[in-house]
Amino acid sequence: MTTKRGLITESFKVVKKARRGGKREKRPTPSPPPQKEADTGTVREEELQKLRQFDLDWRFGPCTGISRLQRWERAKLHGLNPPEEIRYLLSQTHTDPEYNLR
């Protein structure tokens, strides 16, 4: 004779969780911290934006696995005329890892 096997969920009691006490009060979102010198922050952001545009421009070849400066030099070697401004930015900030991304 075979025994009828039930589902595993039939052997456990169903427990409903009690709701927490009512609605929560909404707290106002904290204001952003005050801006420091906007000149240095915005210049850096503009420079990084130009470098990102250079990264996304496929006219100068793929950008994976090499630094931005290596990519610029490779594009120059192949006669693709990369912007001199990018080389200037990279040469001025060669120690900053955010500028030299791989």
Protein backbone atom coordinates (compact mmCIF):
# COMPACT_ATOMS: atom_id res chain seq x y z
CA MET A 1 0.00 0.00 0.00
CA THR A 2 1.34 3.40 -0.87
CA THR A 3 1.11 6.29 1.48
CA LYS A 4 -0.08 9.63 0.31
CA ARG A 5 2.54 12.27 0.71
CA GLY A 6 1.47 15.82 1.25
CA LEU A 7 3.22 19.04 0.52
CA ILE A 8 5.92 20.28 2.87
CA THR A 9 3.90 23.44 3.44
CA GLU A 10 1.09 21.37 4.96
CA SER A 11 3.30 20.39 7.90
CA PHE A 12 4.03 23.96 8.95
CA LYS A 13 1.62 26.28 10.65
CA VAL A 14 0.81 29.51 8.79
CA VAL A 15 1.89 32.55 10.78
CA LYS A 16 0.83 36.02 9.75
CA LYS A 17 3.04 38.89 10.80
CA ALA A 18 1.44 41.68 12.75
CA ARG A 19 1.59 45.10 11.17
CA ARG A 20 3.80 47.70 12.69
CA GLY A 21 2.14 50.57 14.47
CA GLY A 22 0.44 52.83 11.95
CA LYS A 23 1.92 55.23 9.47
CA ARG A 24 5.36 56.66 9.88
CA GLU A 25 6.04 60.35 10.01
CA LYS A 26 7.96 61.63 7.04
CA ARG A 27 11.13 63.44 7.85
CA PRO A 28 12.33 66.27 5.65
CA THR A 29 15.25 65.34 3.44
CA PRO A 30 18.54 66.82 4.59
CA SER A 31 19.80 69.76 2.59
CA PRO A 32 22.93 69.18 0.48
CA PRO A 33 26.22 70.27 2.01
CA PRO A 34 27.32 73.80 1.12
CA GLN A 35 29.42 74.12 -2.01
CA LYS A 36 33.09 74.84 -1.54
CA GLU A 37 34.99 76.88 -4.06
CA ALA A 38 32.94 76.29 -7.20
CA ASP A 39 35.76 77.33 -9.53
CA THR A 40 38.04 74.37 -8.82
CA GLY A 41 35.19 71.86 -8.75
CA THR A 42 33.61 73.02 -11.98
CA VAL A 43 36.92 73.21 -13.85
CA ARG A 44 37.78 69.68 -12.78
CA GLU A 45 34.32 68.45 -13.77
CA GLU A 46 34.60 70.13 -17.18
CA GLU A 47 38.00 68.54 -17.76
CA LEU A 48 36.74 65.11 -16.74
CA GLN A 49 33.71 65.58 -18.99
CA LYS A 50 36.01 66.31 -21.95
CA LEU A 51 38.01 63.17 -21.16
CA ARG A 52 34.81 61.09 -21.00
CA GLN A 53 33.80 62.44 -24.39
CA PHE A 54 37.21 61.40 -25.70
CA ASP A 55 36.63 57.92 -24.23
CA LEU A 56 33.28 57.61 -25.99
CA ASP A 57 34.52 58.82 -29.37
CA TRP A 58 35.12 55.71 -31.49
CA ARG A 59 37.01 57.67 -34.16
CA PHE A 60 40.14 57.23 -32.03
CA GLY A 61 39.85 53.46 -31.60
CA PRO A 62 38.80 51.22 -28.71
CA CYS A 63 39.55 52.39 -25.18
CA THR A 64 39.59 49.13 -23.24
CA GLY A 65 42.79 47.86 -21.70
CA ILE A 66 44.94 50.96 -22.24
CA SER A 67 45.29 54.32 -20.57
CA ARG A 68 43.87 57.49 -22.08
CA LEU A 69 47.35 58.76 -22.93
CA GLN A 70 48.26 55.50 -24.69
CA ARG A 71 45.03 55.72 -26.65
CA TRP A 72 45.75 59.32 -27.62
CA GLU A 73 49.27 58.38 -28.77
CA ARG A 74 47.97 55.41 -30.75
CA ALA A 75 45.39 57.63 -32.48
CA LYS A 76 48.11 60.17 -33.31
CA LEU A 77 50.35 57.40 -34.69
CA HIS A 78 47.55 56.24 -37.01
CA GLY A 79 46.85 59.79 -38.20
CA LEU A 80 43.43 60.12 -36.57
CA ASN A 81 44.13 63.67 -35.32
CA PRO A 82 43.08 63.41 -31.65
CA PRO A 83 42.52 66.76 -29.87
CA GLU A 84 45.70 68.36 -28.54
CA GLU A 85 43.69 69.62 -25.57
CA ILE A 86 43.28 66.03 -24.36
CA ARG A 87 47.04 65.41 -24.50
CA TYR A 88 47.63 68.66 -22.62
CA LEU A 89 45.14 67.65 -19.89
CA LEU A 90 46.67 64.20 -19.57
CA SER A 91 50.24 65.52 -19.42
CA GLN A 92 49.33 68.10 -16.75
CA THR A 93 47.52 65.58 -14.55
CA HIS A 94 49.55 62.42 -15.15
CA THR A 95 49.64 61.57 -11.42
CA ASP A 96 45.87 61.75 -10.87
CA PRO A 97 44.35 58.27 -11.42
CA GLU A 98 40.91 59.74 -12.18
CA TYR A 99 42.34 61.48 -15.23
CA ASN A 100 44.39 58.53 -16.50
CA LEU A 101 41.71 55.83 -16.31
CA ARG A 102 42.31 52.47 -17.93
